[in-house]
């Protein structure tokens, strides 16, 4: 079974939420039980749950109740879809995902792409997956941007293009998405799609590590092996400046 490298294995800090009409300040039980951690539209203070941690028995009734009070709400439709998916009620999950897609909800568009990529609730089709990842990525959805980068890096649904992969990794990395920061660091380490630059690689490994990615922390140590102390210090300085600029 093919899998994209997803954010299920890293600690990802909250992304800044864009101002969208469907974004509410008051969280519902549906949000607490079923919000996606990489959904920038989740209410303030809601951490979100990855699919492995989602408790469908709690989330489904909570989301159904929230939707009854807020008919047609894209975020709640998306979260109900996630909950139904976890319960393996796939046709219903696809139905509510499509309702959110009809409103241009980027996280739902990304999930349609993943559906085509996995071939579980939709036919296996890399070209369609690429199209839907791009829709969400162009709206600034970090997880979709990383997915799109992986498609280009692996040549799935398109010709392999490491420069395009690095471009999309960077867009997600700039949103504090640690998995993309790790992927971009690797591109610099290998000189794949970007000029080979061990300082830049160590910078991005360091940023991801400081944002909580424990795997990147281990790789950061390896990346610094055989580097001159001055180069390591430069990478640390660049990482510190990047992080400081985003705390203002």
C-alpha atoms as a PDB file:
ATOM      1  CA  UNK A   1       0.000   0.000   0.000  1.00  0.00           C
ATOM      2  CA  UNK A   2       1.364   3.318  -1.037  1.00  0.00           C
ATOM      3  CA  UNK A   3       1.386   6.125   1.485  1.00  0.00           C
ATOM      4  CA  UNK A   4       2.416   9.730   1.262  1.00  0.00           C
ATOM      5  CA  UNK A   5       4.608  10.879   4.115  1.00  0.00           C
ATOM      6  CA  UNK A   6       1.903  12.414   6.275  1.00  0.00           C
ATOM      7  CA  UNK A   7       1.988  14.551   9.369  1.00  0.00           C
ATOM      8  CA  UNK A   8       0.856  11.648  11.533  1.00  0.00           C
ATOM      9  CA  UNK A   9       4.366  11.059  12.806  1.00  0.00           C
ATOM     10  CA  UNK A  10       5.508  14.530  13.745  1.00  0.00           C
ATOM     11  CA  UNK A  11       4.616  17.149  16.252  1.00  0.00           C
ATOM     12  CA  UNK A  12       3.295  20.032  14.203  1.00  0.00           C
ATOM     13  CA  UNK A  13       2.724  23.454  15.761  1.00  0.00           C
ATOM     14  CA  UNK A  14      -0.546  25.245  14.972  1.00  0.00           C
ATOM     15  CA  UNK A  15      -0.682  27.019  11.649  1.00  0.00           C
ATOM     16  CA  UNK A  16      -1.963  30.564  11.444  1.00  0.00           C
ATOM     17  CA  UNK A  17      -5.569  30.468  10.280  1.00  0.00           C
ATOM     18  CA  UNK A  18      -6.567  32.664   7.359  1.00  0.00           C
ATOM     19  CA  UNK A  19      -9.642  34.842   7.737  1.00  0.00           C
ATOM     20  CA  UNK A  20     -12.405  32.758   6.144  1.00  0.00           C
ATOM     21  CA  UNK A  21     -16.140  33.195   6.424  1.00  0.00           C
ATOM     22  CA  UNK A  22     -16.528  29.634   7.722  1.00  0.00           C
ATOM     23  CA  UNK A  23     -14.066  30.140  10.594  1.00  0.00           C
ATOM     24  CA  UNK A  24     -15.779  30.582  13.967  1.00  0.00           C
ATOM     25  CA  UNK A  25     -14.328  31.809  17.217  1.00  0.00           C
ATOM     26  CA  UNK A  26     -16.452  29.426  19.315  1.00  0.00           C
ATOM     27  CA  UNK A  27     -15.454  25.773  19.178  1.00  0.00           C
ATOM     28  CA  UNK A  28     -18.040  22.998  19.135  1.00  0.00           C
ATOM     29  CA  UNK A  29     -17.691  19.467  20.482  1.00  0.00           C
ATOM     30  CA  UNK A  30     -17.310  18.468  16.841  1.00  0.00           C
ATOM     31  CA  UNK A  31     -14.184  20.625  16.662  1.00  0.00           C
ATOM     32  CA  UNK A  32     -12.714  19.137  19.825  1.00  0.00           C
ATOM     33  CA  UNK A  33     -13.400  15.570  18.716  1.00  0.00           C
ATOM     34  CA  UNK A  34     -12.745  15.776  14.972  1.00  0.00           C
ATOM     35  CA  UNK A  35     -10.796  18.875  13.872  1.00  0.00           C
ATOM     36  CA  UNK A  36      -7.719  18.127  11.785  1.00  0.00           C
ATOM     37  CA  UNK A  37      -4.474  19.383  13.389  1.00  0.00           C
ATOM     38  CA  UNK A  38      -3.322  20.789  10.039  1.00  0.00           C
ATOM     39  CA  UNK A  39      -6.609  22.551   9.292  1.00  0.00           C
ATOM     40  CA  UNK A  40      -5.867  26.288   9.574  1.00  0.00           C
ATOM     41  CA  UNK A  41      -9.588  26.991   9.878  1.00  0.00           C
ATOM     42  CA  UNK A  42     -10.084  25.183  13.171  1.00  0.00           C
ATOM     43  CA  UNK A  43     -11.167  27.495  16.019  1.00  0.00           C
ATOM     44  CA  UNK A  44      -8.584  29.141  18.231  1.00  0.00           C
ATOM     45  CA  UNK A  45      -7.482  26.842  21.031  1.00  0.00           C
ATOM     46  CA  UNK A  46      -8.484  23.609  19.255  1.00  0.00           C
ATOM     47  CA  UNK A  47      -5.456  21.348  18.795  1.00  0.00           C
ATOM     48  CA  UNK A  48      -7.154  18.767  16.595  1.00  0.00           C
ATOM     49  CA  UNK A  49      -6.724  15.001  16.379  1.00  0.00           C
ATOM     50  CA  UNK A  50      -5.040  12.826  13.808  1.00  0.00           C
ATOM     51  CA  UNK A  51      -7.210  10.101  12.310  1.00  0.00           C
ATOM     52  CA  UNK A  52      -5.620   7.328  14.384  1.00  0.00           C
ATOM     53  CA  UNK A  53      -6.662   9.155  17.568  1.00  0.00           C
ATOM     54  CA  UNK A  54     -10.141  10.167  16.428  1.00  0.00           C
ATOM     55  CA  UNK A  55     -12.940   8.471  18.396  1.00  0.00           C
ATOM     56  CA  UNK A  56     -15.730   8.082  15.869  1.00  0.00           C
ATOM     57  CA  UNK A  57     -18.323   7.089  18.467  1.00  0.00           C
ATOM     58  CA  UNK A  58     -17.948  10.513  20.102  1.00  0.00           C
ATOM     59  CA  UNK A  59     -17.205  12.576  17.017  1.00  0.00           C
ATOM     60  CA  UNK A  60     -20.052  11.480  14.733  1.00  0.00           C
ATOM     61  CA  UNK A  61     -22.962  12.503  16.981  1.00  0.00           C
ATOM     62  CA  UNK A  62     -21.153  15.690  18.000  1.00  0.00           C
ATOM     63  CA  UNK A  63     -20.626  16.697  14.376  1.00  0.00           C
ATOM     64  CA  UNK A  64     -24.163  15.747  13.362  1.00  0.00           C
ATOM     65  CA  UNK A  65     -25.478  17.930  16.179  1.00  0.00           C
ATOM     66  CA  UNK A  66     -23.205  20.835  15.244  1.00  0.00           C
ATOM     67  CA  UNK A  67     -24.291  20.616  11.610  1.00  0.00           C
ATOM     68  CA  UNK A  68     -27.953  20.561  12.604  1.00  0.00           C
ATOM     69  CA  UNK A  69     -27.356  23.900  14.302  1.00  0.00           C
ATOM     70  CA  UNK A  70     -25.123  25.219  11.490  1.00  0.00           C
ATOM     71  CA  UNK A  71     -26.457  23.743   8.225  1.00  0.00           C
ATOM     72  CA  UNK A  72     -24.046  23.769   5.322  1.00  0.00           C
ATOM     73  CA  UNK A  73     -20.984  24.690   7.415  1.00  0.00           C
ATOM     74  CA  UNK A  74     -17.933  23.528   5.431  1.00  0.00           C
ATOM     75  CA  UNK A  75     -15.581  22.885   8.356  1.00  0.00           C
ATOM     76  CA  UNK A  76     -18.179  20.845  10.222  1.00  0.00           C
ATOM     77  CA  UNK A  77     -19.001  18.882   7.064  1.00  0.00           C
ATOM     78  CA  UNK A  78     -15.313  18.116   6.662  1.00  0.00           C
ATOM     79  CA  UNK A  79     -15.004  17.011  10.284  1.00  0.00           C
ATOM     80  CA  UNK A  80     -18.088  14.800  10.035  1.00  0.00           C
ATOM     81  CA  UNK A  81     -16.547  13.258   6.918  1.00  0.00           C
ATOM     82  CA  UNK A  82     -13.352  12.474   8.877  1.00  0.00           C
ATOM     83  CA  UNK A  83     -15.400  10.896  11.642  1.00  0.00           C
ATOM     84  CA  UNK A  84     -17.413   8.762   9.209  1.00  0.00           C
ATOM     85  CA  UNK A  85     -14.212   7.689   7.498  1.00  0.00           C
ATOM     86  CA  UNK A  86     -12.783   6.528  10.826  1.00  0.00           C
ATOM     87  CA  UNK A  87     -15.975   4.493  11.334  1.00  0.00           C
ATOM     88  CA  UNK A  88     -15.405   2.969   7.851  1.00  0.00           C
ATOM     89  CA  UNK A  89     -18.650   4.485   6.598  1.00  0.00           C
ATOM     90  CA  UNK A  90     -16.916   5.433   3.383  1.00  0.00           C
ATOM     91  CA  UNK A  91     -19.814   6.411   1.071  1.00  0.00           C
ATOM     92  CA  UNK A  92     -21.123   8.840   3.708  1.00  0.00           C
ATOM     93  CA  UNK A  93     -17.627  10.155   4.356  1.00  0.00           C
ATOM     94  CA  UNK A  94     -17.203  10.884   0.643  1.00  0.00           C
ATOM     95  CA  UNK A  95     -20.635  12.550   0.531  1.00  0.00           C
ATOM     96  CA  UNK A  96     -19.779  15.044   3.277  1.00  0.00           C
ATOM     97  CA  UNK A  97     -16.283  15.608   1.932  1.00  0.00           C
ATOM     98  CA  UNK A  98     -17.820  16.554  -1.404  1.00  0.00           C
ATOM     99  CA  UNK A  99     -20.241  18.949   0.296  1.00  0.00           C
ATOM    100  CA  UNK A 100     -17.257  20.788   1.786  1.00  0.00           C
ATOM    101  CA  UNK A 101     -15.425  20.630  -1.547  1.00  0.00           C
ATOM    102  CA  UNK A 102     -18.398  22.285  -3.221  1.00  0.00           C
ATOM    103  CA  UNK A 103     -17.683  25.285  -0.983  1.00  0.00           C
ATOM    104  CA  UNK A 104     -14.007  25.337  -1.943  1.00  0.00           C
ATOM    105  CA  UNK A 105     -12.840  24.059   1.456  1.00  0.00           C
ATOM    106  CA  UNK A 106      -9.132  23.331   0.943  1.00  0.00           C
ATOM    107  CA  UNK A 107      -8.719  20.574   3.592  1.00  0.00           C
ATOM    108  CA  UNK A 108     -11.572  18.654   1.968  1.00  0.00           C
ATOM    109  CA  UNK A 109     -10.016  19.116  -1.475  1.00  0.00           C
ATOM    110  CA  UNK A 110      -6.778  17.732  -0.100  1.00  0.00           C
ATOM    111  CA  UNK A 111      -8.632  14.687   1.261  1.00  0.00           C
ATOM    112  CA  UNK A 112     -10.187  14.041  -2.153  1.00  0.00           C
ATOM    113  CA  UNK A 113      -6.657  14.011  -3.528  1.00  0.00           C
ATOM    114  CA  UNK A 114      -5.596  11.568  -0.856  1.00  0.00           C
ATOM    115  CA  UNK A 115      -8.618   9.413  -1.680  1.00  0.00           C
ATOM    116  CA  UNK A 116      -7.459   9.132  -5.281  1.00  0.00           C
ATOM    117  CA  UNK A 117      -3.876   8.523  -4.204  1.00  0.00           C
ATOM    118  CA  UNK A 118      -4.783   5.707  -1.822  1.00  0.00           C
ATOM    119  CA  UNK A 119      -7.505   4.208  -4.031  1.00  0.00           C
ATOM    120  CA  UNK A 120      -9.592   3.329  -0.996  1.00  0.00           C
ATOM    121  CA  UNK A 121     -12.766   5.411  -1.205  1.00  0.00           C
ATOM    122  CA  UNK A 122     -12.096   6.610  -4.761  1.00  0.00           C
ATOM    123  CA  UNK A 123     -10.513   4.905  -7.781  1.00  0.00           C
ATOM    124  CA  UNK A 124      -6.717   4.833  -7.718  1.00  0.00           C
ATOM    125  CA  UNK A 125      -5.683   7.712  -9.979  1.00  0.00           C
ATOM    126  CA  UNK A 126      -2.445   9.642  -9.505  1.00  0.00           C
ATOM    127  CA  UNK A 127      -3.375  12.273 -12.077  1.00  0.00           C
ATOM    128  CA  UNK A 128      -6.610  13.075 -10.228  1.00  0.00           C
ATOM    129  CA  UNK A 129      -4.734  13.013  -6.919  1.00  0.00           C
ATOM    130  CA  UNK A 130      -2.240  15.522  -8.269  1.00  0.00           C
ATOM    131  CA  UNK A 131      -5.056  17.781  -9.501  1.00  0.00           C
ATOM    132  CA  UNK A 132      -6.789  17.870  -6.115  1.00  0.00           C
ATOM    133  CA  UNK A 133      -3.591  18.292  -4.139  1.00  0.00           C
ATOM    134  CA  UNK A 134      -2.812  21.263  -6.362  1.00  0.00           C
ATOM    135  CA  UNK A 135      -6.257  22.819  -5.793  1.00  0.00           C
ATOM    136  CA  UNK A 136      -5.733  22.780  -2.038  1.00  0.00           C
ATOM    137  CA  UNK A 137      -2.038  23.659  -2.237  1.00  0.00           C
ATOM    138  CA  UNK A 138      -2.720  26.771  -4.292  1.00  0.00           C
ATOM    139  CA  UNK A 139      -5.073  27.925  -1.532  1.00  0.00           C
ATOM    140  CA  UNK A 140      -2.186  27.720   0.920  1.00  0.00           C
ATOM    141  CA  UNK A 141      -3.021  24.419   2.632  1.00  0.00           C
ATOM    142  CA  UNK A 142       0.314  23.246   4.046  1.00  0.00           C
ATOM    143  CA  UNK A 143      -0.399  19.514   4.095  1.00  0.00           C
ATOM    144  CA  UNK A 144      -1.537  19.605   0.462  1.00  0.00           C
ATOM    145  CA  UNK A 145       1.567  21.581  -0.456  1.00  0.00           C
ATOM    146  CA  UNK A 146       3.720  18.872   1.081  1.00  0.00           C
ATOM    147  CA  UNK A 147       1.696  16.162  -0.654  1.00  0.00           C
ATOM    148  CA  UNK A 148       2.124  17.950  -3.974  1.00  0.00           C
ATOM    149  CA  UNK A 149       5.847  18.175  -3.371  1.00  0.00           C
ATOM    150  CA  UNK A 150       5.990  14.429  -2.793  1.00  0.00           C
ATOM    151  CA  UNK A 151       4.091  13.790  -6.031  1.00  0.00           C
ATOM    152  CA  UNK A 152       6.704  15.786  -7.949  1.00  0.00           C
ATOM    153  CA  UNK A 153       9.604  14.210  -6.091  1.00  0.00           C
ATOM    154  CA  UNK A 154       8.337  10.683  -6.799  1.00  0.00           C
ATOM    155  CA  UNK A 155       6.975  11.322 -10.278  1.00  0.00           C
ATOM    156  CA  UNK A 156       3.456  10.244  -9.366  1.00  0.00           C
ATOM    157  CA  UNK A 157       0.801  11.621 -11.710  1.00  0.00           C
ATOM    158  CA  UNK A 158       3.398  13.812 -13.410  1.00  0.00           C
ATOM    159  CA  UNK A 159       6.995  13.797 -14.568  1.00  0.00           C
ATOM    160  CA  UNK A 160       9.503  13.803 -11.733  1.00  0.00           C
ATOM    161  CA  UNK A 161      10.563  17.364 -11.031  1.00  0.00           C
ATOM    162  CA  UNK A 162      12.674  17.958  -7.946  1.00  0.00           C
ATOM    163  CA  UNK A 163      12.719  21.731  -8.417  1.00  0.00           C
ATOM    164  CA  UNK A 164       8.909  21.780  -8.242  1.00  0.00           C
ATOM    165  CA  UNK A 165       9.038  19.454  -5.251  1.00  0.00           C
ATOM    166  CA  UNK A 166      11.391  21.801  -3.416  1.00  0.00           C
ATOM    167  CA  UNK A 167       9.197  24.792  -4.313  1.00  0.00           C
ATOM    168  CA  UNK A 168       6.113  23.233  -2.710  1.00  0.00           C
ATOM    169  CA  UNK A 169       8.048  21.947   0.296  1.00  0.00           C
ATOM    170  CA  UNK A 170       9.272  25.481   0.870  1.00  0.00           C
ATOM    171  CA  UNK A 171       5.749  26.918   0.758  1.00  0.00           C
ATOM    172  CA  UNK A 172       4.646  24.457   3.443  1.00  0.00           C
ATOM    173  CA  UNK A 173       7.859  24.890   5.438  1.00  0.00           C
ATOM    174  CA  UNK A 174       7.272  28.638   5.590  1.00  0.00           C
ATOM    175  CA  UNK A 175       4.003  27.876   7.386  1.00  0.00           C
ATOM    176  CA  UNK A 176       5.816  26.118  10.250  1.00  0.00           C
ATOM    177  CA  UNK A 177       4.942  22.664   8.872  1.00  0.00           C
ATOM    178  CA  UNK A 178       7.778  20.602  10.282  1.00  0.00           C
ATOM    179  CA  UNK A 179       7.450  17.624   7.930  1.00  0.00           C
ATOM    180  CA  UNK A 180       7.942  19.960   4.969  1.00  0.00           C
ATOM    181  CA  UNK A 181      10.898  21.580   6.711  1.00  0.00           C
ATOM    182  CA  UNK A 182      12.475  18.147   7.063  1.00  0.00           C
ATOM    183  CA  UNK A 183      11.762  17.343   3.394  1.00  0.00           C
ATOM    184  CA  UNK A 184      13.262  20.652   2.257  1.00  0.00           C
ATOM    185  CA  UNK A 185      16.323  20.079   4.435  1.00  0.00           C
ATOM    186  CA  UNK A 186      16.848  16.725   2.775  1.00  0.00           C
ATOM    187  CA  UNK A 187      16.658  18.368  -0.662  1.00  0.00           C
ATOM    188  CA  UNK A 188      19.431  20.766   0.335  1.00  0.00           C
ATOM    189  CA  UNK A 189      21.448  17.933   1.839  1.00  0.00           C
ATOM    190  CA  UNK A 190      21.248  15.940  -1.387  1.00  0.00           C
ATOM    191  CA  UNK A 191      21.366  18.860  -3.812  1.00  0.00           C
ATOM    192  CA  UNK A 192      18.073  17.674  -5.248  1.00  0.00           C
ATOM    193  CA  UNK A 193      15.984  20.391  -6.889  1.00  0.00           C
ATOM    194  CA  UNK A 194      18.058  23.051  -5.120  1.00  0.00           C
ATOM    195  CA  UNK A 195      21.809  23.723  -4.987  1.00  0.00           C
ATOM    196  CA  UNK A 196      23.556  21.410  -2.542  1.00  0.00           C
ATOM    197  CA  UNK A 197      23.993  23.406   0.652  1.00  0.00           C
ATOM    198  CA  UNK A 198      24.758  21.665   3.934  1.00  0.00           C
ATOM    199  CA  UNK A 199      24.340  24.890   5.888  1.00  0.00           C
ATOM    200  CA  UNK A 200      20.802  25.391   4.550  1.00  0.00           C
ATOM    201  CA  UNK A 201      20.048  21.731   5.171  1.00  0.00           C
ATOM    202  CA  UNK A 202      21.178  21.998   8.785  1.00  0.00           C
ATOM    203  CA  UNK A 203      19.225  25.245   9.159  1.00  0.00           C
ATOM    204  CA  UNK A 204      15.952  23.553   8.151  1.00  0.00           C
ATOM    205  CA  UNK A 205      16.648  20.438  10.232  1.00  0.00           C
ATOM    206  CA  UNK A 206      17.288  22.750  13.187  1.00  0.00           C
ATOM    207  CA  UNK A 207      14.080  24.720  12.625  1.00  0.00           C
ATOM    208  CA  UNK A 208      12.011  21.530  12.462  1.00  0.00           C
ATOM    209  CA  UNK A 209      13.696  20.214  15.599  1.00  0.00           C
ATOM    210  CA  UNK A 210      13.070  23.418  17.538  1.00  0.00           C
ATOM    211  CA  UNK A 211       9.412  23.304  16.518  1.00  0.00           C
ATOM    212  CA  UNK A 212       9.066  19.870  18.065  1.00  0.00           C
ATOM    213  CA  UNK A 213       9.956  17.317  15.387  1.00  0.00           C
ATOM    214  CA  UNK A 214      11.926  14.783  17.399  1.00  0.00           C
ATOM    215  CA  UNK A 215      12.977  12.809  14.315  1.00  0.00           C
ATOM    216  CA  UNK A 216      14.463  15.919  12.737  1.00  0.00           C
ATOM    217  CA  UNK A 217      16.350  16.521  15.982  1.00  0.00           C
ATOM    218  CA  UNK A 218      18.211  13.231  15.530  1.00  0.00           C
ATOM    219  CA  UNK A 219      18.862  13.868  11.853  1.00  0.00           C
ATOM    220  CA  UNK A 220      20.094  17.365  12.701  1.00  0.00           C
ATOM    221  CA  UNK A 221      22.906  15.851  14.731  1.00  0.00           C
ATOM    222  CA  UNK A 222      23.889  13.572  11.837  1.00  0.00           C
ATOM    223  CA  UNK A 223      23.694  16.451   9.353  1.00  0.00           C
ATOM    224  CA  UNK A 224      26.256  18.369  11.379  1.00  0.00           C
ATOM    225  CA  UNK A 225      28.760  15.519  11.307  1.00  0.00           C
ATOM    226  CA  UNK A 226      32.029  16.539   9.638  1.00  0.00           C
ATOM    227  CA  UNK A 227      30.863  20.139   9.251  1.00  0.00           C
ATOM    228  CA  UNK A 228      33.209  22.864  10.399  1.00  0.00           C
ATOM    229  CA  UNK A 229      32.152  24.542  13.667  1.00  0.00           C
ATOM    230  CA  UNK A 230      31.753  27.846  11.835  1.00  0.00           C
ATOM    231  CA  UNK A 231      29.292  26.302   9.363  1.00  0.00           C
ATOM    232  CA  UNK A 232      27.276  24.753  12.182  1.00  0.00           C
ATOM    233  CA  UNK A 233      27.181  28.109  13.936  1.00  0.00           C
ATOM    234  CA  UNK A 234      25.994  29.768  10.723  1.00  0.00           C
ATOM    235  CA  UNK A 235      23.144  27.249  10.356  1.00  0.00           C
ATOM    236  CA  UNK A 236      22.146  27.807  13.980  1.00  0.00           C
ATOM    237  CA  UNK A 237      22.170  31.569  13.426  1.00  0.00           C
ATOM    238  CA  UNK A 238      20.018  31.327  10.299  1.00  0.00           C
ATOM    239  CA  UNK A 239      17.554  29.036  12.073  1.00  0.00           C
ATOM    240  CA  UNK A 240      17.336  31.388  15.036  1.00  0.00           C
ATOM    241  CA  UNK A 241      16.729  34.392  12.792  1.00  0.00           C
ATOM    242  CA  UNK A 242      14.004  32.535  10.867  1.00  0.00           C
ATOM    243  CA  UNK A 243      12.206  31.534  14.057  1.00  0.00           C
ATOM    244  CA  UNK A 244      12.563  34.957  15.636  1.00  0.00           C
ATOM    245  CA  UNK A 245      11.099  36.670  12.567  1.00  0.00           C
ATOM    246  CA  UNK A 246       7.959  34.520  12.853  1.00  0.00           C
ATOM    247  CA  UNK A 247       7.444  35.236  16.531  1.00  0.00           C
ATOM    248  CA  UNK A 248       6.951  38.973  15.971  1.00  0.00           C
END
